[in-house]
């Protein structure tokens, strides 16, 4: 990633995201998914893809993840 994209990394840090945090990524496979995935990994956090087929109860049942 180029340095012009670094503000997004800083945005994650500003939200309190730190290395080894698990971040749920709930969106369709798209360019936005790829960009978000890359930023999360570059920040040192771990991406947890969440299936769009899960309903609210199934998502809530899982161990809580940081959201922003």
PDB file of N, CA and C in Angstrom:
ATOM      1  N   UNK A   1       0.832  -1.181   0.000  1.00  0.00           N
ATOM      2  CA  UNK A   1       0.000   0.000   0.000  1.00  0.00           C
ATOM      3  C   UNK A   1       0.874   1.242   0.000  1.00  0.00           C
ATOM      4  N   UNK A   2       0.378   2.249  -0.614  1.00  0.00           N
ATOM      5  CA  UNK A   2       1.157   3.474  -0.683  1.00  0.00           C
ATOM      6  C   UNK A   2       0.964   4.296   0.581  1.00  0.00           C
ATOM      7  N   UNK A   3       1.833   5.263   0.765  1.00  0.00           N
ATOM      8  CA  UNK A   3       1.723   6.121   1.951  1.00  0.00           C
ATOM      9  C   UNK A   3       0.484   7.004   1.887  1.00  0.00           C
ATOM     10  N   UNK A   4      -0.064   7.219   0.677  1.00  0.00           N
ATOM     11  CA  UNK A   4      -1.270   8.039   0.575  1.00  0.00           C
ATOM     12  C   UNK A   4      -2.471   7.329   1.200  1.00  0.00           C
ATOM     13  N   UNK A   5      -2.366   6.022   1.409  1.00  0.00           N
ATOM     14  CA  UNK A   5      -3.453   5.269   2.015  1.00  0.00           C
ATOM     15  C   UNK A   5      -3.277   5.144   3.529  1.00  0.00           C
ATOM     16  N   UNK A   6      -2.195   5.608   4.052  1.00  0.00           N
ATOM     17  CA  UNK A   6      -1.908   5.477   5.478  1.00  0.00           C
ATOM     18  C   UNK A   6      -2.938   6.098   6.408  1.00  0.00           C
ATOM     19  N   UNK A   7      -3.641   7.183   6.041  1.00  0.00           N
ATOM     20  CA  UNK A   7      -4.627   7.724   6.971  1.00  0.00           C
ATOM     21  C   UNK A   7      -5.664   6.702   7.428  1.00  0.00           C
ATOM     22  N   UNK A   8      -5.993   5.726   6.601  1.00  0.00           N
ATOM     23  CA  UNK A   8      -6.958   4.714   7.015  1.00  0.00           C
ATOM     24  C   UNK A   8      -6.385   3.826   8.113  1.00  0.00           C
ATOM     25  N   UNK A   9      -5.085   3.550   8.052  1.00  0.00           N
ATOM     26  CA  UNK A   9      -4.434   2.788   9.114  1.00  0.00           C
ATOM     27  C   UNK A   9      -4.519   3.599  10.410  1.00  0.00           C
ATOM     28  N   UNK A  10      -4.277   4.880  10.309  1.00  0.00           N
ATOM     29  CA  UNK A  10      -4.346   5.748  11.487  1.00  0.00           C
ATOM     30  C   UNK A  10      -5.779   5.831  12.012  1.00  0.00           C
ATOM     31  N   UNK A  11      -6.754   5.744  11.122  1.00  0.00           N
ATOM     32  CA  UNK A  11      -8.153   5.750  11.556  1.00  0.00           C
ATOM     33  C   UNK A  11      -8.461   4.523  12.395  1.00  0.00           C
ATOM     34  N   UNK A  12      -7.918   3.375  12.005  1.00  0.00           N
ATOM     35  CA  UNK A  12      -8.120   2.162  12.803  1.00  0.00           C
ATOM     36  C   UNK A  12      -7.503   2.338  14.187  1.00  0.00           C
ATOM     37  N   UNK A  13      -6.309   2.890  14.220  1.00  0.00           N
ATOM     38  CA  UNK A  13      -5.637   3.120  15.505  1.00  0.00           C
ATOM     39  C   UNK A  13      -6.417   4.117  16.353  1.00  0.00           C
ATOM     40  N   UNK A  14      -6.983   5.127  15.706  1.00  0.00           N
ATOM     41  CA  UNK A  14      -7.770   6.125  16.433  1.00  0.00           C
ATOM     42  C   UNK A  14      -9.022   5.508  17.055  1.00  0.00           C
ATOM     43  N   UNK A  15      -9.518   4.437  16.455  1.00  0.00           N
ATOM     44  CA  UNK A  15     -10.688   3.732  16.989  1.00  0.00           C
ATOM     45  C   UNK A  15     -10.304   2.776  18.117  1.00  0.00           C
ATOM     46  N   UNK A  16      -9.016   2.692  18.416  1.00  0.00           N
ATOM     47  CA  UNK A  16      -8.571   1.823  19.497  1.00  0.00           C
ATOM     48  C   UNK A  16      -8.204   0.421  19.055  1.00  0.00           C
ATOM     49  N   UNK A  17      -8.108   0.223  17.747  1.00  0.00           N
ATOM     50  CA  UNK A  17      -7.730  -1.091  17.208  1.00  0.00           C
ATOM     51  C   UNK A  17      -6.233  -1.261  17.399  1.00  0.00           C
ATOM     52  N   UNK A  18      -5.842  -2.354  18.030  1.00  0.00           N
ATOM     53  CA  UNK A  18      -4.433  -2.625  18.279  1.00  0.00           C
ATOM     54  C   UNK A  18      -4.051  -3.975  17.690  1.00  0.00           C
ATOM     55  N   UNK A  19      -2.758  -4.262  17.706  1.00  0.00           N
ATOM     56  CA  UNK A  19      -2.271  -5.534  17.179  1.00  0.00           C
ATOM     57  C   UNK A  19      -2.952  -6.682  17.903  1.00  0.00           C
ATOM     58  N   UNK A  20      -3.265  -7.700  17.145  1.00  0.00           N
ATOM     59  CA  UNK A  20      -3.900  -8.943  17.607  1.00  0.00           C
ATOM     60  C   UNK A  20      -5.373  -8.796  17.974  1.00  0.00           C
ATOM     61  N   UNK A  21      -5.961  -7.590  17.835  1.00  0.00           N
ATOM     62  CA  UNK A  21      -7.411  -7.472  17.989  1.00  0.00           C
ATOM     63  C   UNK A  21      -8.060  -8.246  16.849  1.00  0.00           C
ATOM     64  N   UNK A  22      -9.243  -8.778  17.095  1.00  0.00           N
ATOM     65  CA  UNK A  22      -9.997  -9.467  16.054  1.00  0.00           C
ATOM     66  C   UNK A  22     -11.079  -8.514  15.559  1.00  0.00           C
ATOM     67  N   UNK A  23     -11.110  -8.298  14.254  1.00  0.00           N
ATOM     68  CA  UNK A  23     -12.062  -7.375  13.647  1.00  0.00           C
ATOM     69  C   UNK A  23     -12.979  -8.154  12.715  1.00  0.00           C
ATOM     70  N   UNK A  24     -14.288  -8.122  13.015  1.00  0.00           N
ATOM     71  CA  UNK A  24     -15.259  -8.777  12.152  1.00  0.00           C
ATOM     72  C   UNK A  24     -15.480  -7.958  10.896  1.00  0.00           C
ATOM     73  N   UNK A  25     -15.399  -8.618   9.745  1.00  0.00           N
ATOM     74  CA  UNK A  25     -15.603  -7.945   8.461  1.00  0.00           C
ATOM     75  C   UNK A  25     -16.854  -8.538   7.822  1.00  0.00           C
ATOM     76  N   UNK A  26     -17.923  -7.758   7.805  1.00  0.00           N
ATOM     77  CA  UNK A  26     -19.236  -8.208   7.370  1.00  0.00           C
ATOM     78  C   UNK A  26     -19.645  -7.423   6.136  1.00  0.00           C
ATOM     79  N   UNK A  27     -19.254  -7.906   4.969  1.00  0.00           N
ATOM     80  CA  UNK A  27     -19.648  -7.250   3.723  1.00  0.00           C
ATOM     81  C   UNK A  27     -19.456  -8.224   2.562  1.00  0.00           C
ATOM     82  N   UNK A  28     -20.039  -7.875   1.419  1.00  0.00           N
ATOM     83  CA  UNK A  28     -19.914  -8.735   0.245  1.00  0.00           C
ATOM     84  C   UNK A  28     -18.478  -8.716  -0.264  1.00  0.00           C
ATOM     85  N   UNK A  29     -18.127  -9.760  -1.001  1.00  0.00           N
ATOM     86  CA  UNK A  29     -16.800  -9.787  -1.627  1.00  0.00           C
ATOM     87  C   UNK A  29     -16.772  -8.716  -2.708  1.00  0.00           C
ATOM     88  N   UNK A  30     -15.973  -7.710  -2.488  1.00  0.00           N
ATOM     89  CA  UNK A  30     -15.906  -6.573  -3.404  1.00  0.00           C
ATOM     90  C   UNK A  30     -14.566  -5.886  -3.231  1.00  0.00           C
ATOM     91  N   UNK A  31     -14.373  -4.835  -3.965  1.00  0.00           N
ATOM     92  CA  UNK A  31     -13.156  -4.042  -3.808  1.00  0.00           C
ATOM     93  C   UNK A  31     -13.052  -3.470  -2.401  1.00  0.00           C
ATOM     94  N   UNK A  32     -14.187  -3.063  -1.845  1.00  0.00           N
ATOM     95  CA  UNK A  32     -14.208  -2.519  -0.483  1.00  0.00           C
ATOM     96  C   UNK A  32     -13.777  -3.565   0.537  1.00  0.00           C
ATOM     97  N   UNK A  33     -14.207  -4.807   0.331  1.00  0.00           N
ATOM     98  CA  UNK A  33     -13.813  -5.899   1.220  1.00  0.00           C
ATOM     99  C   UNK A  33     -12.297  -6.065   1.180  1.00  0.00           C
ATOM    100  N   UNK A  34     -11.740  -6.089  -0.023  1.00  0.00           N
ATOM    101  CA  UNK A  34     -10.294  -6.281  -0.182  1.00  0.00           C
ATOM    102  C   UNK A  34      -9.505  -5.147   0.467  1.00  0.00           C
ATOM    103  N   UNK A  35      -9.960  -3.920   0.288  1.00  0.00           N
ATOM    104  CA  UNK A  35      -9.267  -2.764   0.865  1.00  0.00           C
ATOM    105  C   UNK A  35      -9.351  -2.809   2.391  1.00  0.00           C
ATOM    106  N   UNK A  36     -10.550  -3.059   2.928  1.00  0.00           N
ATOM    107  CA  UNK A  36     -10.709  -3.146   4.383  1.00  0.00           C
ATOM    108  C   UNK A  36      -9.861  -4.271   4.954  1.00  0.00           C
ATOM    109  N   UNK A  37      -9.857  -5.412   4.279  1.00  0.00           N
ATOM    110  CA  UNK A  37      -9.066  -6.564   4.715  1.00  0.00           C
ATOM    111  C   UNK A  37      -7.587  -6.179   4.802  1.00  0.00           C
ATOM    112  N   UNK A  38      -7.092  -5.532   3.745  1.00  0.00           N
ATOM    113  CA  UNK A  38      -5.676  -5.145   3.701  1.00  0.00           C
ATOM    114  C   UNK A  38      -5.328  -4.153   4.810  1.00  0.00           C
ATOM    115  N   UNK A  39      -6.191  -3.169   5.049  1.00  0.00           N
ATOM    116  CA  UNK A  39      -5.932  -2.187   6.103  1.00  0.00           C
ATOM    117  C   UNK A  39      -5.903  -2.843   7.479  1.00  0.00           C
ATOM    118  N   UNK A  40      -6.840  -3.750   7.702  1.00  0.00           N
ATOM    119  CA  UNK A  40      -6.890  -4.426   9.000  1.00  0.00           C
ATOM    120  C   UNK A  40      -5.626  -5.242   9.226  1.00  0.00           C
ATOM    121  N   UNK A  41      -5.228  -6.006   8.214  1.00  0.00           N
ATOM    122  CA  UNK A  41      -4.018  -6.831   8.333  1.00  0.00           C
ATOM    123  C   UNK A  41      -2.791  -5.946   8.530  1.00  0.00           C
ATOM    124  N   UNK A  42      -2.708  -4.852   7.756  1.00  0.00           N
ATOM    125  CA  UNK A  42      -1.548  -3.967   7.871  1.00  0.00           C
ATOM    126  C   UNK A  42      -1.467  -3.318   9.255  1.00  0.00           C
ATOM    127  N   UNK A  43      -2.616  -3.140   9.911  1.00  0.00           N
ATOM    128  CA  UNK A  43      -2.615  -2.539  11.244  1.00  0.00           C
ATOM    129  C   UNK A  43      -2.149  -3.527  12.313  1.00  0.00           C
ATOM    130  N   UNK A  44      -2.029  -4.801  11.931  1.00  0.00           N
ATOM    131  CA  UNK A  44      -1.597  -5.819  12.881  1.00  0.00           C
ATOM    132  C   UNK A  44      -2.747  -6.570  13.528  1.00  0.00           C
ATOM    133  N   UNK A  45      -3.975  -6.170  13.206  1.00  0.00           N
ATOM    134  CA  UNK A  45      -5.152  -6.862  13.741  1.00  0.00           C
ATOM    135  C   UNK A  45      -5.438  -8.100  12.889  1.00  0.00           C
ATOM    136  N   UNK A  46      -6.374  -8.913  13.350  1.00  0.00           N
ATOM    137  CA  UNK A  46      -6.737 -10.147  12.670  1.00  0.00           C
ATOM    138  C   UNK A  46      -8.134  -9.990  12.079  1.00  0.00           C
ATOM    139  N   UNK A  47      -8.286 -10.326  10.795  1.00  0.00           N
ATOM    140  CA  UNK A  47      -9.583 -10.236  10.128  1.00  0.00           C
ATOM    141  C   UNK A  47     -10.395 -11.494  10.426  1.00  0.00           C
ATOM    142  N   UNK A  48     -11.653 -11.286  10.803  1.00  0.00           N
ATOM    143  CA  UNK A  48     -12.582 -12.397  10.998  1.00  0.00           C
ATOM    144  C   UNK A  48     -13.735 -12.177  10.017  1.00  0.00           C
ATOM    145  N   UNK A  49     -13.677 -12.835   8.841  1.00  0.00           N
ATOM    146  CA  UNK A  49     -14.784 -12.670   7.891  1.00  0.00           C
ATOM    147  C   UNK A  49     -16.067 -13.255   8.486  1.00  0.00           C
ATOM    148  N   UNK A  50     -17.157 -12.519   8.378  1.00  0.00           N
ATOM    149  CA  UNK A  50     -18.447 -12.963   8.899  1.00  0.00           C
ATOM    150  C   UNK A  50     -19.369 -13.181   7.706  1.00  0.00           C
ATOM    151  N   UNK A  51     -19.949 -14.374   7.623  1.00  0.00           N
ATOM    152  CA  UNK A  51     -20.815 -14.724   6.498  1.00  0.00           C
ATOM    153  C   UNK A  51     -22.074 -13.866   6.479  1.00  0.00           C
ATOM    154  N   UNK A  52     -22.440 -13.409   5.307  1.00  0.00           N
ATOM    155  CA  UNK A  52     -23.670 -12.643   5.145  1.00  0.00           C
ATOM    156  C   UNK A  52     -24.903 -13.535   5.295  1.00  0.00           C
ATOM    157  N   UNK A  53     -24.712 -14.850   5.288  1.00  0.00           N
ATOM    158  CA  UNK A  53     -25.831 -15.783   5.422  1.00  0.00           C
ATOM    159  C   UNK A  53     -26.252 -16.005   6.877  1.00  0.00           C
ATOM    160  N   UNK A  54     -25.436 -15.539   7.818  1.00  0.00           N
ATOM    161  CA  UNK A  54     -25.783 -15.687   9.225  1.00  0.00           C
ATOM    162  C   UNK A  54     -26.889 -14.694   9.597  1.00  0.00           C
ATOM    163  N   UNK A  55     -27.784 -15.131  10.477  1.00  0.00           N
ATOM    164  CA  UNK A  55     -28.801 -14.189  10.951  1.00  0.00           C
ATOM    165  C   UNK A  55     -28.286 -13.510  12.222  1.00  0.00           C
ATOM    166  N   UNK A  56     -29.046 -12.556  12.725  1.00  0.00           N
ATOM    167  CA  UNK A  56     -28.607 -11.754  13.876  1.00  0.00           C
ATOM    168  C   UNK A  56     -28.287 -12.632  15.093  1.00  0.00           C
ATOM    169  N   UNK A  57     -29.132 -13.615  15.394  1.00  0.00           N
ATOM    170  CA  UNK A  57     -28.898 -14.481  16.557  1.00  0.00           C
ATOM    171  C   UNK A  57     -27.574 -15.230  16.421  1.00  0.00           C
ATOM    172  N   UNK A  58     -27.281 -15.714  15.221  1.00  0.00           N
ATOM    173  CA  UNK A  58     -26.049 -16.465  15.016  1.00  0.00           C
ATOM    174  C   UNK A  58     -24.814 -15.579  15.155  1.00  0.00           C
ATOM    175  N   UNK A  59     -24.906 -14.356  14.741  1.00  0.00           N
ATOM    176  CA  UNK A  59     -23.768 -13.445  14.867  1.00  0.00           C
ATOM    177  C   UNK A  59     -23.567 -13.051  16.330  1.00  0.00           C
ATOM    178  N   UNK A  60     -24.641 -12.757  17.034  1.00  0.00           N
ATOM    179  CA  UNK A  60     -24.557 -12.358  18.437  1.00  0.00           C
ATOM    180  C   UNK A  60     -24.013 -13.494  19.289  1.00  0.00           C
ATOM    181  N   UNK A  61     -24.308 -14.734  18.919  1.00  0.00           N
ATOM    182  CA  UNK A  61     -23.848 -15.891  19.674  1.00  0.00           C
ATOM    183  C   UNK A  61     -22.339 -16.007  19.687  1.00  0.00           C
ATOM    184  N   UNK A  62     -21.691 -15.586  18.662  1.00  0.00           N
ATOM    185  CA  UNK A  62     -20.241 -15.665  18.548  1.00  0.00           C
ATOM    186  C   UNK A  62     -19.571 -14.776  19.589  1.00  0.00           C
ATOM    187  N   UNK A  63     -18.295 -15.044  19.872  1.00  0.00           N
ATOM    188  CA  UNK A  63     -17.541 -14.207  20.813  1.00  0.00           C
ATOM    189  C   UNK A  63     -17.539 -12.768  20.302  1.00  0.00           C
ATOM    190  N   UNK A  64     -17.797 -11.792  21.168  1.00  0.00           N
ATOM    191  CA  UNK A  64     -17.850 -10.396  20.737  1.00  0.00           C
ATOM    192  C   UNK A  64     -16.570  -9.930  20.062  1.00  0.00           C
ATOM    193  N   UNK A  65     -16.716  -9.157  19.016  1.00  0.00           N
ATOM    194  CA  UNK A  65     -15.600  -8.565  18.282  1.00  0.00           C
ATOM    195  C   UNK A  65     -15.686  -7.065  18.427  1.00  0.00           C
ATOM    196  N   UNK A  66     -14.556  -6.386  18.282  1.00  0.00           N
ATOM    197  CA  UNK A  66     -14.607  -4.917  18.288  1.00  0.00           C
ATOM    198  C   UNK A  66     -15.301  -4.451  17.028  1.00  0.00           C
ATOM    199  N   UNK A  67     -16.125  -3.445  17.160  1.00  0.00           N
ATOM    200  CA  UNK A  67     -16.791  -2.873  16.005  1.00  0.00           C
ATOM    201  C   UNK A  67     -16.473  -1.379  15.954  1.00  0.00           C
ATOM    202  N   UNK A  68     -16.507  -0.845  14.769  1.00  0.00           N
ATOM    203  CA  UNK A  68     -16.285   0.588  14.598  1.00  0.00           C
ATOM    204  C   UNK A  68     -17.023   1.067  13.399  1.00  0.00           C
TER     205      UNK A  68
END
